[in-house]
Amino acid sequence: DKGFVVLGMTYVLMIGEIDISVASIIALCSCVMGV
């Protein structure tokens, strides 16, 4: 399940950036879907 965000992180690091909010995005998306 974390493999999908790993694929996305590949593109982010490829352009020299980083995203450490992905876990929070997962939590927010999960909560919104449940609500």
ModelCIF file with pLDDT and N, C-alpha, C, O atoms, coordinates in Angstrom:
data_MODEL
#
_entry.id   MODEL 
#
_entity.id                         1 
_entity.type                       polymer 
_entity.pdbx_number_of_molecules   1 
#
_entity_poly.entity_id                      1 
_entity_poly.type                           'polypeptide(L)' 
_entity_poly.nstd_linkage                   no 
_entity_poly.nstd_monomer                   no 
_entity_poly.pdbx_seq_one_letter_code       DKGFVVLGMTYVLMIGEIDISVASIIALCSCVMGV 
_entity_poly.pdbx_seq_one_letter_code_can   DKGFVVLGMTYVLMIGEIDISVASIIALCSCVMGV 
_entity_poly.pdbx_strand_id                 A 
#
loop_
_entity_poly_seq.entity_id 
_entity_poly_seq.num 
_entity_poly_seq.mon_id 
_entity_poly_seq.hetero 
1 1  ASP n 
1 2  LYS n 
1 3  GLY n 
1 4  PHE n 
1 5  VAL n 
1 6  VAL n 
1 7  LEU n 
1 8  GLY n 
1 9  MET n 
1 10 THR n 
1 11 TYR n 
1 12 VAL n 
1 13 LEU n 
1 14 MET n 
1 15 ILE n 
1 16 GLY n 
1 17 GLU n 
1 18 ILE n 
1 19 ASP n 
1 20 ILE n 
1 21 SER n 
1 22 VAL n 
1 23 ALA n 
1 24 SER n 
1 25 ILE n 
1 26 ILE n 
1 27 ALA n 
1 28 LEU n 
1 29 CYS n 
1 30 SER n 
1 31 CYS n 
1 32 VAL n 
1 33 MET n 
1 34 GLY n 
1 35 VAL n 
#
_struct_asym.id          A 
_struct_asym.entity_id   1 
#
loop_
_ma_qa_metric.id 
_ma_qa_metric.mode 
_ma_qa_metric.name 
_ma_qa_metric.software_group_id 
_ma_qa_metric.type 
1 global pLDDT . pLDDT 
2 local  pLDDT . pLDDT 
#
_ma_qa_metric_global.metric_id      1 
_ma_qa_metric_global.metric_value   94.43 
_ma_qa_metric_global.model_id       1 
_ma_qa_metric_global.ordinal_id     1 
#
loop_
_ma_qa_metric_local.label_asym_id 
_ma_qa_metric_local.label_comp_id 
_ma_qa_metric_local.label_seq_id 
_ma_qa_metric_local.metric_id 
_ma_qa_metric_local.metric_value 
_ma_qa_metric_local.model_id 
_ma_qa_metric_local.ordinal_id 
A ASP 1  2 91.00 1 1  
A LYS 2  2 91.00 1 2  
A GLY 3  2 93.00 1 3  
A PHE 4  2 95.00 1 4  
A VAL 5  2 96.00 1 5  
A VAL 6  2 95.00 1 6  
A LEU 7  2 96.00 1 7  
A GLY 8  2 95.00 1 8  
A MET 9  2 95.00 1 9  
A THR 10 2 95.00 1 10 
A TYR 11 2 95.00 1 11 
A VAL 12 2 96.00 1 12 
A LEU 13 2 95.00 1 13 
A MET 14 2 94.00 1 14 
A ILE 15 2 94.00 1 15 
A GLY 16 2 91.00 1 16 
A GLU 17 2 93.00 1 17 
A ILE 18 2 94.00 1 18 
A ASP 19 2 94.00 1 19 
A ILE 20 2 94.00 1 20 
A SER 21 2 94.00 1 21 
A VAL 22 2 95.00 1 22 
A ALA 23 2 94.00 1 23 
A SER 24 2 95.00 1 24 
A ILE 25 2 96.00 1 25 
A ILE 26 2 96.00 1 26 
A ALA 27 2 95.00 1 27 
A LEU 28 2 96.00 1 28 
A CYS 29 2 95.00 1 29 
A SER 30 2 95.00 1 30 
A CYS 31 2 95.00 1 31 
A VAL 32 2 95.00 1 32 
A MET 33 2 95.00 1 33 
A GLY 34 2 93.00 1 34 
A VAL 35 2 94.00 1 35 
#
loop_
_atom_site.group_PDB 
_atom_site.id 
_atom_site.type_symbol 
_atom_site.label_atom_id 
_atom_site.label_alt_id 
_atom_site.label_comp_id 
_atom_site.label_asym_id 
_atom_site.label_entity_id 
_atom_site.label_seq_id 
_atom_site.pdbx_PDB_ins_code 
_atom_site.Cartn_x 
_atom_site.Cartn_y 
_atom_site.Cartn_z 
_atom_site.occupancy 
_atom_site.B_iso_or_equiv 
_atom_site.pdbx_formal_charge 
_atom_site.auth_seq_id 
_atom_site.auth_comp_id 
_atom_site.auth_asym_id 
_atom_site.auth_atom_id 
_atom_site.pdbx_PDB_model_num 
ATOM 1   N N  . ASP A 1 1  ? 0.832   -1.213 0.000   1.00 91.00 ? 1  ASP A N  1 
ATOM 2   C CA . ASP A 1 1  ? 0.000   0.000  0.000   1.00 91.00 ? 1  ASP A CA 1 
ATOM 3   C C  . ASP A 1 1  ? 0.861   1.255  0.000   1.00 91.00 ? 1  ASP A C  1 
ATOM 4   O O  . ASP A 1 1  ? 0.462   2.282  -0.551  1.00 91.00 ? 1  ASP A O  1 
ATOM 5   N N  . LYS A 1 2  ? 2.039   1.181  0.614   1.00 91.00 ? 2  LYS A N  1 
ATOM 6   C CA . LYS A 1 2  ? 2.944   2.338  0.574   1.00 91.00 ? 2  LYS A CA 1 
ATOM 7   C C  . LYS A 1 2  ? 3.747   2.387  -0.727  1.00 91.00 ? 2  LYS A C  1 
ATOM 8   O O  . LYS A 1 2  ? 4.433   3.373  -0.998  1.00 91.00 ? 2  LYS A O  1 
ATOM 9   N N  . GLY A 1 3  ? 3.662   1.317  -1.536  1.00 93.00 ? 3  GLY A N  1 
ATOM 10  C CA . GLY A 1 3  ? 4.382   1.291  -2.794  1.00 93.00 ? 3  GLY A CA 1 
ATOM 11  C C  . GLY A 1 3  ? 3.901   2.351  -3.773  1.00 93.00 ? 3  GLY A C  1 
ATOM 12  O O  . GLY A 1 3  ? 4.679   2.830  -4.599  1.00 93.00 ? 3  GLY A O  1 
ATOM 13  N N  . PHE A 1 4  ? 2.633   2.722  -3.691  1.00 95.00 ? 4  PHE A N  1 
ATOM 14  C CA . PHE A 1 4  ? 2.096   3.720  -4.618  1.00 95.00 ? 4  PHE A CA 1 
ATOM 15  C C  . PHE A 1 4  ? 2.669   5.110  -4.321  1.00 95.00 ? 4  PHE A C  1 
ATOM 16  O O  . PHE A 1 4  ? 3.005   5.862  -5.235  1.00 95.00 ? 4  PHE A O  1 
ATOM 17  N N  . VAL A 1 5  ? 2.773   5.433  -3.041  1.00 96.00 ? 5  VAL A N  1 
ATOM 18  C CA . VAL A 1 5  ? 3.360   6.723  -2.698  1.00 96.00 ? 5  VAL A CA 1 
ATOM 19  C C  . VAL A 1 5  ? 4.859   6.728  -2.983  1.00 96.00 ? 5  VAL A C  1 
ATOM 20  O O  . VAL A 1 5  ? 5.433   7.785  -3.244  1.00 96.00 ? 5  VAL A O  1 
ATOM 21  N N  . VAL A 1 6  ? 5.498   5.560  -2.937  1.00 95.00 ? 6  VAL A N  1 
ATOM 22  C CA . VAL A 1 6  ? 6.907   5.451  -3.290  1.00 95.00 ? 6  VAL A CA 1 
ATOM 23  C C  . VAL A 1 6  ? 7.113   5.794  -4.762  1.00 95.00 ? 6  VAL A C  1 
ATOM 24  O O  . VAL A 1 6  ? 8.072   6.481  -5.112  1.00 95.00 ? 6  VAL A O  1 
ATOM 25  N N  . LEU A 1 7  ? 6.214   5.316  -5.625  1.00 96.00 ? 7  LEU A N  1 
ATOM 26  C CA . LEU A 1 7  ? 6.311   5.653  -7.046  1.00 96.00 ? 7  LEU A CA 1 
ATOM 27  C C  . LEU A 1 7  ? 6.180   7.155  -7.256  1.00 96.00 ? 7  LEU A C  1 
ATOM 28  O O  . LEU A 1 7  ? 6.918   7.742  -8.047  1.00 96.00 ? 7  LEU A O  1 
ATOM 29  N N  . GLY A 1 8  ? 5.247   7.773  -6.554  1.00 95.00 ? 8  GLY A N  1 
ATOM 30  C CA . GLY A 1 8  ? 5.099   9.226  -6.657  1.00 95.00 ? 8  GLY A CA 1 
ATOM 31  C C  . GLY A 1 8  ? 6.317   9.966  -6.137  1.00 95.00 ? 8  GLY A C  1 
ATOM 32  O O  . GLY A 1 8  ? 6.731   10.972 -6.713  1.00 95.00 ? 8  GLY A O  1 
ATOM 33  N N  . MET A 1 9  ? 6.898   9.465  -5.038  1.00 95.00 ? 9  MET A N  1 
ATOM 34  C CA . MET A 1 9  ? 8.082   10.094 -4.456  1.00 95.00 ? 9  MET A CA 1 
ATOM 35  C C  . MET A 1 9  ? 9.273   10.005 -5.407  1.00 95.00 ? 9  MET A C  1 
ATOM 36  O O  . MET A 1 9  ? 10.164  10.853 -5.366  1.00 95.00 ? 9  MET A O  1 
ATOM 37  N N  . THR A 1 10 ? 9.291   8.980  -6.264  1.00 95.00 ? 10 THR A N  1 
ATOM 38  C CA . THR A 1 10 ? 10.361  8.846  -7.257  1.00 95.00 ? 10 THR A CA 1 
ATOM 39  C C  . THR A 1 10 ? 10.396  10.058 -8.172  1.00 95.00 ? 10 THR A C  1 
ATOM 40  O O  . THR A 1 10 ? 11.466  10.600 -8.451  1.00 95.00 ? 10 THR A O  1 
ATOM 41  N N  . TYR A 1 11 ? 9.236   10.483 -8.638  1.00 95.00 ? 11 TYR A N  1 
ATOM 42  C CA . TYR A 1 11 ? 9.168   11.654 -9.515  1.00 95.00 ? 11 TYR A CA 1 
ATOM 43  C C  . TYR A 1 11 ? 9.557   12.923 -8.769  1.00 95.00 ? 11 TYR A C  1 
ATOM 44  O O  . TYR A 1 11 ? 10.210  13.800 -9.333  1.00 95.00 ? 11 TYR A O  1 
ATOM 45  N N  . VAL A 1 12 ? 9.162   13.025 -7.509  1.00 96.00 ? 12 VAL A N  1 
ATOM 46  C CA . VAL A 1 12 ? 9.469   14.221 -6.722  1.00 96.00 ? 12 VAL A CA 1 
ATOM 47  C C  . VAL A 1 12 ? 10.979  14.368 -6.533  1.00 96.00 ? 12 VAL A C  1 
ATOM 48  O O  . VAL A 1 12 ? 11.535  15.444 -6.757  1.00 96.00 ? 12 VAL A O  1 
ATOM 49  N N  . LEU A 1 13 ? 11.642  13.281 -6.119  1.00 95.00 ? 13 LEU A N  1 
ATOM 50  C CA . LEU A 1 13 ? 13.089  13.338 -5.938  1.00 95.00 ? 13 LEU A CA 1 
ATOM 51  C C  . LEU A 1 13 ? 13.815  13.484 -7.273  1.00 95.00 ? 13 LEU A C  1 
ATOM 52  O O  . LEU A 1 13 ? 14.919  14.024 -7.335  1.00 95.00 ? 13 LEU A O  1 
ATOM 53  N N  . MET A 1 14 ? 13.182  12.997 -8.338  1.00 94.00 ? 14 MET A N  1 
ATOM 54  C CA . MET A 1 14 ? 13.807  13.097 -9.659  1.00 94.00 ? 14 MET A CA 1 
ATOM 55  C C  . MET A 1 14 ? 14.012  14.550 -10.073 1.00 94.00 ? 14 MET A C  1 
ATOM 56  O O  . MET A 1 14 ? 14.965  14.855 -10.790 1.00 94.00 ? 14 MET A O  1 
ATOM 57  N N  . ILE A 1 15 ? 13.136  15.451 -9.633  1.00 94.00 ? 15 ILE A N  1 
ATOM 58  C CA . ILE A 1 15 ? 13.292  16.866 -9.983  1.00 94.00 ? 15 ILE A CA 1 
ATOM 59  C C  . ILE A 1 15 ? 14.005  17.646 -8.873  1.00 94.00 ? 15 ILE A C  1 
ATOM 60  O O  . ILE A 1 15 ? 14.029  18.876 -8.889  1.00 94.00 ? 15 ILE A O  1 
ATOM 61  N N  . GLY A 1 16 ? 14.582  16.921 -7.915  1.00 91.00 ? 16 GLY A N  1 
ATOM 62  C CA . GLY A 1 16 ? 15.377  17.561 -6.874  1.00 91.00 ? 16 GLY A CA 1 
ATOM 63  C C  . GLY A 1 16 ? 14.571  18.150 -5.736  1.00 91.00 ? 16 GLY A C  1 
ATOM 64  O O  . GLY A 1 16 ? 15.079  18.988 -4.990  1.00 91.00 ? 16 GLY A O  1 
ATOM 65  N N  . GLU A 1 17 ? 13.316  17.726 -5.587  1.00 93.00 ? 17 GLU A N  1 
ATOM 66  C CA . GLU A 1 17 ? 12.471  18.203 -4.496  1.00 93.00 ? 17 GLU A CA 1 
ATOM 67  C C  . GLU A 1 17 ? 12.227  17.070 -3.506  1.00 93.00 ? 17 GLU A C  1 
ATOM 68  O O  . GLU A 1 17 ? 12.745  15.966 -3.672  1.00 93.00 ? 17 GLU A O  1 
ATOM 69  N N  . ILE A 1 18 ? 11.437  17.353 -2.480  1.00 94.00 ? 18 ILE A N  1 
ATOM 70  C CA . ILE A 1 18 ? 11.090  16.337 -1.489  1.00 94.00 ? 18 ILE A CA 1 
ATOM 71  C C  . ILE A 1 18 ? 9.712   16.674 -0.927  1.00 94.00 ? 18 ILE A C  1 
ATOM 72  O O  . ILE A 1 18 ? 9.325   17.841 -0.862  1.00 94.00 ? 18 ILE A O  1 
ATOM 73  N N  . ASP A 1 19 ? 8.981   15.646 -0.526  1.00 94.00 ? 19 ASP A N  1 
ATOM 74  C CA . ASP A 1 19 ? 7.643   15.844 0.027   1.00 94.00 ? 19 ASP A CA 1 
ATOM 75  C C  . ASP A 1 19 ? 7.496   14.988 1.275   1.00 94.00 ? 19 ASP A C  1 
ATOM 76  O O  . ASP A 1 19 ? 7.394   13.764 1.194   1.00 94.00 ? 19 ASP A O  1 
ATOM 77  N N  . ILE A 1 20 ? 7.487   15.642 2.425   1.00 94.00 ? 20 ILE A N  1 
ATOM 78  C CA . ILE A 1 20 ? 7.336   14.901 3.676   1.00 94.00 ? 20 ILE A CA 1 
ATOM 79  C C  . ILE A 1 20 ? 5.920   15.018 4.247   1.00 94.00 ? 20 ILE A C  1 
ATOM 80  O O  . ILE A 1 20 ? 5.676   14.705 5.413   1.00 94.00 ? 20 ILE A O  1 
ATOM 81  N N  . SER A 1 21 ? 4.997   15.475 3.402   1.00 94.00 ? 21 SER A N  1 
ATOM 82  C CA . SER A 1 21 ? 3.602   15.576 3.844   1.00 94.00 ? 21 SER A CA 1 
ATOM 83  C C  . SER A 1 21 ? 2.761   14.392 3.387   1.00 94.00 ? 21 SER A C  1 
ATOM 84  O O  . SER A 1 21 ? 1.563   14.347 3.665   1.00 94.00 ? 21 SER A O  1 
ATOM 85  N N  . VAL A 1 22 ? 3.373   13.423 2.682   1.00 95.00 ? 22 VAL A N  1 
ATOM 86  C CA . VAL A 1 22 ? 2.598   12.348 2.062   1.00 95.00 ? 22 VAL A CA 1 
ATOM 87  C C  . VAL A 1 22 ? 1.838   11.506 3.083   1.00 95.00 ? 22 VAL A C  1 
ATOM 88  O O  . VAL A 1 22 ? 0.705   11.102 2.821   1.00 95.00 ? 22 VAL A O  1 
ATOM 89  N N  . ALA A 1 23 ? 2.437   11.237 4.234   1.00 94.00 ? 23 ALA A N  1 
ATOM 90  C CA . ALA A 1 23 ? 1.745   10.438 5.244   1.00 94.00 ? 23 ALA A CA 1 
ATOM 91  C C  . ALA A 1 23 ? 0.510   11.177 5.766   1.00 94.00 ? 23 ALA A C  1 
ATOM 92  O O  . ALA A 1 23 ? -0.527  10.564 6.018   1.00 94.00 ? 23 ALA A O  1 
ATOM 93  N N  . SER A 1 24 ? 0.629   12.479 5.923   1.00 95.00 ? 24 SER A N  1 
ATOM 94  C CA . SER A 1 24 ? -0.511  13.279 6.370   1.00 95.00 ? 24 SER A CA 1 
ATOM 95  C C  . SER A 1 24 ? -1.598  13.335 5.291   1.00 95.00 ? 24 SER A C  1 
ATOM 96  O O  . SER A 1 24 ? -2.788  13.348 5.605   1.00 95.00 ? 24 SER A O  1 
ATOM 97  N N  . ILE A 1 25 ? -1.183  13.368 4.017   1.00 96.00 ? 25 ILE A N  1 
ATOM 98  C CA . ILE A 1 25 ? -2.160  13.342 2.924   1.00 96.00 ? 25 ILE A CA 1 
ATOM 99  C C  . ILE A 1 25 ? -2.914  12.014 2.943   1.00 96.00 ? 25 ILE A C  1 
ATOM 100 O O  . ILE A 1 25 ? -4.129  11.985 2.750   1.00 96.00 ? 25 ILE A O  1 
ATOM 101 N N  . ILE A 1 26 ? -2.197  10.924 3.176   1.00 96.00 ? 26 ILE A N  1 
ATOM 102 C CA . ILE A 1 26 ? -2.837  9.609  3.266   1.00 96.00 ? 26 ILE A CA 1 
ATOM 103 C C  . ILE A 1 26 ? -3.872  9.593  4.384   1.00 96.00 ? 26 ILE A C  1 
ATOM 104 O O  . ILE A 1 26 ? -4.996  9.129  4.197   1.00 96.00 ? 26 ILE A O  1 
ATOM 105 N N  . ALA A 1 27 ? -3.477  10.109 5.557   1.00 95.00 ? 27 ALA A N  1 
ATOM 106 C CA . ALA A 1 27 ? -4.394  10.139 6.691   1.00 95.00 ? 27 ALA A CA 1 
ATOM 107 C C  . ALA A 1 27 ? -5.620  10.999 6.393   1.00 95.00 ? 27 ALA A C  1 
ATOM 108 O O  . ALA A 1 27 ? -6.747  10.604 6.693   1.00 95.00 ? 27 ALA A O  1 
ATOM 109 N N  . LEU A 1 28 ? -5.400  12.176 5.802   1.00 96.00 ? 28 LEU A N  1 
ATOM 110 C CA . LEU A 1 28 ? -6.518  13.069 5.488   1.00 96.00 ? 28 LEU A CA 1 
ATOM 111 C C  . LEU A 1 28 ? -7.448  12.443 4.459   1.00 96.00 ? 28 LEU A C  1 
ATOM 112 O O  . LEU A 1 28 ? -8.668  12.490 4.624   1.00 96.00 ? 28 LEU A O  1 
ATOM 113 N N  . CYS A 1 29 ? -6.895  11.859 3.402   1.00 95.00 ? 29 CYS A N  1 
ATOM 114 C CA . CYS A 1 29 ? -7.723  11.219 2.369   1.00 95.00 ? 29 CYS A CA 1 
ATOM 115 C C  . CYS A 1 29 ? -8.528  10.067 2.949   1.00 95.00 ? 29 CYS A C  1 
ATOM 116 O O  . CYS A 1 29 ? -9.703  9.896  2.627   1.00 95.00 ? 29 CYS A O  1 
ATOM 117 N N  . SER A 1 30 ? -7.890  9.279  3.804   1.00 95.00 ? 30 SER A N  1 
ATOM 118 C CA . SER A 1 30 ? -8.582  8.160  4.443   1.00 95.00 ? 30 SER A CA 1 
ATOM 119 C C  . SER A 1 30 ? -9.743  8.649  5.308   1.00 95.00 ? 30 SER A C  1 
ATOM 120 O O  . SER A 1 30 ? -10.839 8.088  5.273   1.00 95.00 ? 30 SER A O  1 
ATOM 121 N N  . CYS A 1 31 ? -9.486  9.694  6.080   1.00 95.00 ? 31 CYS A N  1 
ATOM 122 C CA . CYS A 1 31 ? -10.523 10.235 6.964   1.00 95.00 ? 31 CYS A CA 1 
ATOM 123 C C  . CYS A 1 31 ? -11.673 10.847 6.167   1.00 95.00 ? 31 CYS A C  1 
ATOM 124 O O  . CYS A 1 31 ? -12.841 10.641 6.499   1.00 95.00 ? 31 CYS A O  1 
ATOM 125 N N  . VAL A 1 32 ? -11.344 11.598 5.116   1.00 95.00 ? 32 VAL A N  1 
ATOM 126 C CA . VAL A 1 32 ? -12.392 12.209 4.290   1.00 95.00 ? 32 VAL A CA 1 
ATOM 127 C C  . VAL A 1 32 ? -13.252 11.126 3.652   1.00 95.00 ? 32 VAL A C  1 
ATOM 128 O O  . VAL A 1 32 ? -14.478 11.235 3.631   1.00 95.00 ? 32 VAL A O  1 
ATOM 129 N N  . MET A 1 33 ? -12.613 10.083 3.133   1.00 95.00 ? 33 MET A N  1 
ATOM 130 C CA . MET A 1 33 ? -13.366 8.986  2.517   1.00 95.00 ? 33 MET A CA 1 
ATOM 131 C C  . MET A 1 33 ? -14.284 8.324  3.534   1.00 95.00 ? 33 MET A C  1 
ATOM 132 O O  . MET A 1 33 ? -15.436 8.022  3.221   1.00 95.00 ? 33 MET A O  1 
ATOM 133 N N  . GLY A 1 34 ? -13.793 8.096  4.741   1.00 93.00 ? 34 GLY A N  1 
ATOM 134 C CA . GLY A 1 34 ? -14.608 7.471  5.777   1.00 93.00 ? 34 GLY A CA 1 
ATOM 135 C C  . GLY A 1 34 ? -15.756 8.348  6.216   1.00 93.00 ? 34 GLY A C  1 
ATOM 136 O O  . GLY A 1 34 ? -16.868 7.860  6.419   1.00 93.00 ? 34 GLY A O  1 
ATOM 137 N N  . VAL A 1 35 ? -15.505 9.639  6.365   1.00 94.00 ? 35 VAL A N  1 
ATOM 138 C CA . VAL A 1 35 ? -16.537 10.565 6.828   1.00 94.00 ? 35 VAL A CA 1 
ATOM 139 C C  . VAL A 1 35 ? -17.668 10.698 5.802   1.00 94.00 ? 35 VAL A C  1 
ATOM 140 O O  . VAL A 1 35 ? -18.623 11.440 6.029   1.00 94.00 ? 35 VAL A O  1 
#
